N, C-alpha and C. Protein backbone atom coordinates (compact mmCIF):
# COMPACT_ATOMS: atom_id res chain seq x y z
N GLN A 1 -30.79 -5.31 2.72
CA GLN A 1 -29.93 -5.43 1.56
C GLN A 1 -28.62 -4.71 1.86
N MET A 2 -27.51 -5.35 1.52
CA MET A 2 -26.19 -4.78 1.77
C MET A 2 -25.77 -3.92 0.57
N CYS A 3 -25.19 -2.75 0.86
CA CYS A 3 -24.74 -1.84 -0.19
C CYS A 3 -23.61 -0.97 0.35
N VAL A 4 -23.20 0.00 -0.45
CA VAL A 4 -22.19 0.98 -0.04
C VAL A 4 -22.86 2.35 -0.12
N VAL A 5 -22.72 3.16 0.93
CA VAL A 5 -23.32 4.49 0.97
C VAL A 5 -22.26 5.53 1.31
N PHE A 6 -22.51 6.76 0.88
CA PHE A 6 -21.59 7.84 1.21
C PHE A 6 -22.11 8.57 2.43
N SER A 7 -21.28 8.64 3.47
CA SER A 7 -21.63 9.34 4.70
C SER A 7 -21.05 10.75 4.67
N GLU A 8 -21.94 11.75 4.72
CA GLU A 8 -21.50 13.15 4.74
C GLU A 8 -20.71 13.44 6.02
N GLU A 9 -21.15 12.87 7.13
CA GLU A 9 -20.49 13.11 8.41
C GLU A 9 -19.07 12.54 8.43
N LEU A 10 -18.91 11.31 7.94
CA LEU A 10 -17.59 10.65 7.94
C LEU A 10 -16.75 11.00 6.72
N LYS A 11 -17.40 11.58 5.70
CA LYS A 11 -16.73 11.95 4.45
C LYS A 11 -16.07 10.76 3.77
N CYS A 12 -16.77 9.61 3.75
CA CYS A 12 -16.24 8.43 3.09
C CYS A 12 -17.37 7.47 2.72
N TRP A 13 -17.03 6.48 1.89
CA TRP A 13 -17.97 5.44 1.51
C TRP A 13 -17.92 4.35 2.56
N CYS A 14 -19.09 3.85 2.98
CA CYS A 14 -19.19 2.87 4.06
C CYS A 14 -20.11 1.73 3.65
N ARG A 15 -19.85 0.56 4.18
CA ARG A 15 -20.76 -0.56 3.97
C ARG A 15 -21.98 -0.36 4.86
N ALA A 16 -23.14 -0.70 4.33
CA ALA A 16 -24.37 -0.44 5.08
C ALA A 16 -25.43 -1.47 4.73
N ILE A 17 -26.37 -1.61 5.66
CA ILE A 17 -27.56 -2.42 5.45
C ILE A 17 -28.73 -1.44 5.38
N ILE A 18 -29.51 -1.54 4.32
CA ILE A 18 -30.66 -0.66 4.15
C ILE A 18 -31.78 -1.12 5.08
N LYS A 19 -32.31 -0.21 5.88
CA LYS A 19 -33.38 -0.52 6.82
C LYS A 19 -34.74 -0.05 6.32
N SER A 20 -34.81 1.16 5.75
CA SER A 20 -36.09 1.66 5.24
C SER A 20 -35.84 2.73 4.20
N ILE A 21 -36.87 2.97 3.38
CA ILE A 21 -36.81 3.98 2.33
C ILE A 21 -38.04 4.88 2.48
N MET A 22 -37.81 6.20 2.45
CA MET A 22 -38.90 7.16 2.57
C MET A 22 -38.82 8.15 1.40
N TYR A 23 -39.96 8.63 0.97
CA TYR A 23 -39.97 9.66 -0.07
C TYR A 23 -40.07 11.03 0.58
N CYS A 24 -39.10 11.89 0.29
CA CYS A 24 -39.14 13.27 0.76
C CYS A 24 -39.70 14.15 -0.36
N THR A 25 -39.62 15.45 -0.24
CA THR A 25 -40.24 16.35 -1.21
C THR A 25 -39.73 16.16 -2.64
N ASP A 26 -38.44 15.94 -2.81
CA ASP A 26 -37.92 15.82 -4.17
C ASP A 26 -36.97 14.64 -4.37
N HIS A 27 -36.81 13.80 -3.37
CA HIS A 27 -35.90 12.66 -3.50
C HIS A 27 -36.28 11.57 -2.50
N TYR A 28 -35.65 10.42 -2.66
CA TYR A 28 -35.85 9.32 -1.71
C TYR A 28 -34.76 9.38 -0.65
N GLN A 29 -35.14 9.17 0.58
CA GLN A 29 -34.23 9.16 1.73
C GLN A 29 -34.19 7.72 2.24
N THR A 30 -33.00 7.21 2.49
CA THR A 30 -32.84 5.83 2.93
C THR A 30 -32.18 5.78 4.30
N GLU A 31 -32.79 5.03 5.23
CA GLU A 31 -32.17 4.82 6.54
C GLU A 31 -31.27 3.60 6.43
N CYS A 32 -30.01 3.76 6.81
CA CYS A 32 -29.04 2.68 6.69
C CYS A 32 -28.30 2.46 8.01
N PHE A 33 -27.91 1.21 8.24
CA PHE A 33 -27.08 0.88 9.40
C PHE A 33 -25.66 0.67 8.90
N LEU A 34 -24.71 1.48 9.36
CA LEU A 34 -23.31 1.34 8.96
C LEU A 34 -22.69 0.19 9.74
N VAL A 35 -22.33 -0.88 9.05
CA VAL A 35 -21.87 -2.09 9.73
C VAL A 35 -20.47 -1.95 10.32
N ASP A 36 -19.70 -0.98 9.87
CA ASP A 36 -18.36 -0.78 10.44
C ASP A 36 -18.30 0.30 11.50
N TYR A 37 -19.39 1.04 11.66
CA TYR A 37 -19.42 2.13 12.64
C TYR A 37 -20.56 1.99 13.65
N ALA A 38 -21.41 0.99 13.47
CA ALA A 38 -22.53 0.70 14.39
C ALA A 38 -23.39 1.93 14.63
N LYS A 39 -23.76 2.60 13.55
CA LYS A 39 -24.64 3.76 13.70
C LYS A 39 -25.61 3.81 12.53
N TYR A 40 -26.75 4.45 12.78
CA TYR A 40 -27.77 4.64 11.75
C TYR A 40 -27.63 6.03 11.15
N ILE A 41 -27.75 6.11 9.83
CA ILE A 41 -27.71 7.40 9.15
C ILE A 41 -28.78 7.42 8.06
N PHE A 42 -29.12 8.61 7.60
CA PHE A 42 -30.01 8.78 6.46
C PHE A 42 -29.17 9.28 5.30
N VAL A 43 -29.37 8.69 4.13
CA VAL A 43 -28.66 9.11 2.92
C VAL A 43 -29.65 9.25 1.78
N LYS A 44 -29.30 10.10 0.82
CA LYS A 44 -30.11 10.24 -0.39
C LYS A 44 -29.88 9.02 -1.28
N SER A 45 -30.86 8.72 -2.08
CA SER A 45 -30.76 7.52 -2.92
C SER A 45 -29.60 7.60 -3.92
N GLU A 46 -29.21 8.81 -4.34
CA GLU A 46 -28.08 8.92 -5.28
C GLU A 46 -26.73 8.66 -4.62
N ASP A 47 -26.70 8.57 -3.28
CA ASP A 47 -25.46 8.27 -2.56
C ASP A 47 -25.35 6.79 -2.19
N ILE A 48 -26.08 5.92 -2.89
CA ILE A 48 -26.05 4.49 -2.64
C ILE A 48 -25.48 3.78 -3.87
N ARG A 49 -24.58 2.84 -3.63
CA ARG A 49 -23.96 2.08 -4.72
C ARG A 49 -24.00 0.59 -4.41
N VAL A 50 -23.92 -0.20 -5.45
CA VAL A 50 -23.80 -1.65 -5.30
C VAL A 50 -22.35 -1.95 -4.90
N ALA A 51 -22.17 -2.83 -3.94
CA ALA A 51 -20.83 -3.13 -3.43
C ALA A 51 -20.18 -4.26 -4.22
N LEU A 52 -18.87 -4.17 -4.40
CA LEU A 52 -18.12 -5.27 -5.00
C LEU A 52 -18.08 -6.43 -4.02
N GLU A 53 -18.11 -7.65 -4.54
CA GLU A 53 -18.13 -8.84 -3.69
C GLU A 53 -16.90 -8.90 -2.78
N ALA A 54 -15.74 -8.53 -3.29
CA ALA A 54 -14.51 -8.56 -2.47
C ALA A 54 -14.61 -7.60 -1.29
N PHE A 55 -15.26 -6.45 -1.50
CA PHE A 55 -15.43 -5.46 -0.45
C PHE A 55 -16.34 -5.99 0.66
N MET A 56 -17.32 -6.80 0.29
CA MET A 56 -18.27 -7.33 1.26
C MET A 56 -17.70 -8.50 2.06
N GLN A 57 -16.61 -9.09 1.62
CA GLN A 57 -16.01 -10.23 2.31
C GLN A 57 -15.19 -9.81 3.53
N ILE A 58 -14.84 -8.54 3.63
CA ILE A 58 -14.07 -8.05 4.78
C ILE A 58 -14.96 -8.13 6.02
N PRO A 59 -14.46 -8.68 7.13
CA PRO A 59 -15.30 -8.77 8.35
C PRO A 59 -15.71 -7.38 8.84
N TYR A 60 -16.92 -7.30 9.39
CA TYR A 60 -17.41 -6.04 9.92
C TYR A 60 -16.61 -5.65 11.15
N ARG A 61 -16.39 -4.34 11.33
CA ARG A 61 -15.68 -3.85 12.51
C ARG A 61 -16.59 -3.67 13.70
N ALA A 62 -17.87 -3.58 13.48
CA ALA A 62 -18.82 -3.38 14.57
C ALA A 62 -19.93 -4.41 14.44
N LYS A 63 -20.48 -4.81 15.57
CA LYS A 63 -21.56 -5.78 15.58
C LYS A 63 -22.68 -5.26 16.46
N LYS A 64 -23.91 -5.45 16.00
CA LYS A 64 -25.05 -5.11 16.84
C LYS A 64 -25.19 -6.21 17.88
N CYS A 65 -25.41 -5.83 19.11
CA CYS A 65 -25.55 -6.84 20.16
C CYS A 65 -26.50 -6.33 21.23
N ARG A 66 -26.88 -7.23 22.09
CA ARG A 66 -27.75 -6.89 23.22
C ARG A 66 -27.15 -7.48 24.48
N LEU A 67 -27.44 -6.87 25.58
CA LEU A 67 -27.01 -7.40 26.86
C LEU A 67 -28.13 -8.29 27.37
N TYR A 68 -27.91 -9.58 27.31
CA TYR A 68 -28.94 -10.56 27.62
C TYR A 68 -29.46 -10.38 29.03
N ARG A 69 -30.76 -10.22 29.16
CA ARG A 69 -31.49 -10.12 30.41
C ARG A 69 -31.04 -8.96 31.30
N THR A 70 -30.43 -7.94 30.73
CA THR A 70 -30.06 -6.76 31.50
C THR A 70 -31.25 -5.81 31.52
N LYS A 71 -31.68 -5.46 32.70
CA LYS A 71 -32.84 -4.59 32.87
C LYS A 71 -32.40 -3.24 33.41
N PRO A 72 -33.08 -2.16 33.02
CA PRO A 72 -32.73 -0.85 33.57
C PRO A 72 -33.15 -0.75 35.04
N VAL A 73 -32.36 -0.01 35.79
CA VAL A 73 -32.68 0.25 37.20
C VAL A 73 -32.57 1.74 37.44
N THR A 74 -33.15 2.19 38.53
CA THR A 74 -33.06 3.59 38.90
C THR A 74 -33.03 3.70 40.42
N LEU A 75 -32.64 4.84 40.91
CA LEU A 75 -32.56 5.08 42.35
C LEU A 75 -33.88 5.69 42.81
N ARG A 76 -34.55 5.04 43.75
CA ARG A 76 -35.81 5.56 44.30
C ARG A 76 -35.53 6.07 45.71
N VAL A 77 -35.80 7.35 45.93
CA VAL A 77 -35.56 7.98 47.22
C VAL A 77 -36.90 8.21 47.90
N ASN A 78 -37.02 7.73 49.15
CA ASN A 78 -38.22 7.95 49.94
C ASN A 78 -37.85 8.95 51.03
N PHE A 79 -38.27 10.21 50.86
CA PHE A 79 -37.90 11.26 51.79
C PHE A 79 -38.59 11.09 53.14
N CYS A 80 -39.77 10.52 53.16
CA CYS A 80 -40.50 10.32 54.42
C CYS A 80 -39.77 9.33 55.32
N GLU A 81 -39.30 8.24 54.73
CA GLU A 81 -38.60 7.21 55.52
C GLU A 81 -37.09 7.45 55.58
N GLY A 82 -36.59 8.36 54.76
CA GLY A 82 -35.16 8.64 54.74
C GLY A 82 -34.35 7.49 54.15
N THR A 83 -34.90 6.82 53.13
CA THR A 83 -34.20 5.68 52.52
C THR A 83 -34.04 5.91 51.02
N ALA A 84 -33.10 5.20 50.46
CA ALA A 84 -32.87 5.20 49.02
C ALA A 84 -32.48 3.79 48.62
N LYS A 85 -33.06 3.31 47.53
CA LYS A 85 -32.69 1.97 47.06
C LYS A 85 -32.80 1.92 45.55
N ILE A 86 -32.07 0.98 44.97
CA ILE A 86 -32.08 0.76 43.53
C ILE A 86 -33.21 -0.20 43.21
N VAL A 87 -34.10 0.22 42.28
CA VAL A 87 -35.27 -0.58 41.92
C VAL A 87 -35.35 -0.70 40.40
N PRO A 88 -36.08 -1.70 39.89
CA PRO A 88 -36.26 -1.83 38.43
C PRO A 88 -36.98 -0.61 37.86
N ALA A 89 -36.63 -0.26 36.64
CA ALA A 89 -37.26 0.88 35.95
C ALA A 89 -37.85 0.39 34.62
N LYS A 90 -38.75 1.19 34.07
CA LYS A 90 -39.35 0.83 32.78
C LYS A 90 -38.43 1.18 31.62
N ARG A 91 -37.61 2.20 31.76
CA ARG A 91 -36.68 2.59 30.72
C ARG A 91 -35.40 3.12 31.34
N TRP A 92 -34.36 3.25 30.53
CA TRP A 92 -33.06 3.73 31.02
C TRP A 92 -33.13 5.23 31.22
N ASP A 93 -32.93 5.69 32.47
CA ASP A 93 -32.83 7.12 32.72
C ASP A 93 -31.37 7.45 32.98
N SER A 94 -31.05 8.70 33.25
CA SER A 94 -29.65 9.10 33.41
C SER A 94 -29.00 8.41 34.61
N ALA A 95 -29.74 8.23 35.69
CA ALA A 95 -29.18 7.54 36.87
C ALA A 95 -28.89 6.08 36.54
N ALA A 96 -29.78 5.44 35.80
CA ALA A 96 -29.57 4.04 35.43
C ALA A 96 -28.37 3.90 34.49
N THR A 97 -28.23 4.83 33.58
CA THR A 97 -27.10 4.80 32.64
C THR A 97 -25.79 4.97 33.38
N ARG A 98 -25.72 5.93 34.30
CA ARG A 98 -24.50 6.15 35.09
C ARG A 98 -24.16 4.92 35.92
N TYR A 99 -25.16 4.32 36.55
CA TYR A 99 -24.95 3.13 37.37
C TYR A 99 -24.42 1.98 36.52
N PHE A 100 -24.99 1.79 35.35
CA PHE A 100 -24.54 0.72 34.45
C PHE A 100 -23.12 0.97 33.97
N GLN A 101 -22.77 2.21 33.64
CA GLN A 101 -21.42 2.53 33.21
C GLN A 101 -20.41 2.27 34.33
N ASN A 102 -20.79 2.57 35.56
CA ASN A 102 -19.91 2.28 36.69
C ASN A 102 -19.70 0.78 36.89
N LEU A 103 -20.75 0.00 36.64
CA LEU A 103 -20.61 -1.46 36.74
C LEU A 103 -19.64 -1.99 35.69
N LEU A 104 -19.68 -1.41 34.49
CA LEU A 104 -18.78 -1.85 33.42
C LEU A 104 -17.32 -1.51 33.72
N LYS A 105 -17.11 -0.39 34.39
CA LYS A 105 -15.73 0.01 34.72
C LYS A 105 -15.17 -0.94 35.75
């Protein structure tokens, strides 16, 4: 559901999509995706408002996307053979992230 939420970090009202609602000790906490900042935040239920239709017609500044068929890789060093090679990994580690950032540059 699309709404407007107040972000304490950004100190402003932002358009958001509600992802989940949780009950905390004395209030409801809502996880929201900020469509103009591409980030997830938690807000209290009293910081959520219904958005005006004109406000929702403005195109989003950020879009969620995926890199199609991009797999994480990592550097595997074999000290016995004295070799190093890039191999597929199960998840992105720091070496894989650095390598991917270098490819983008």
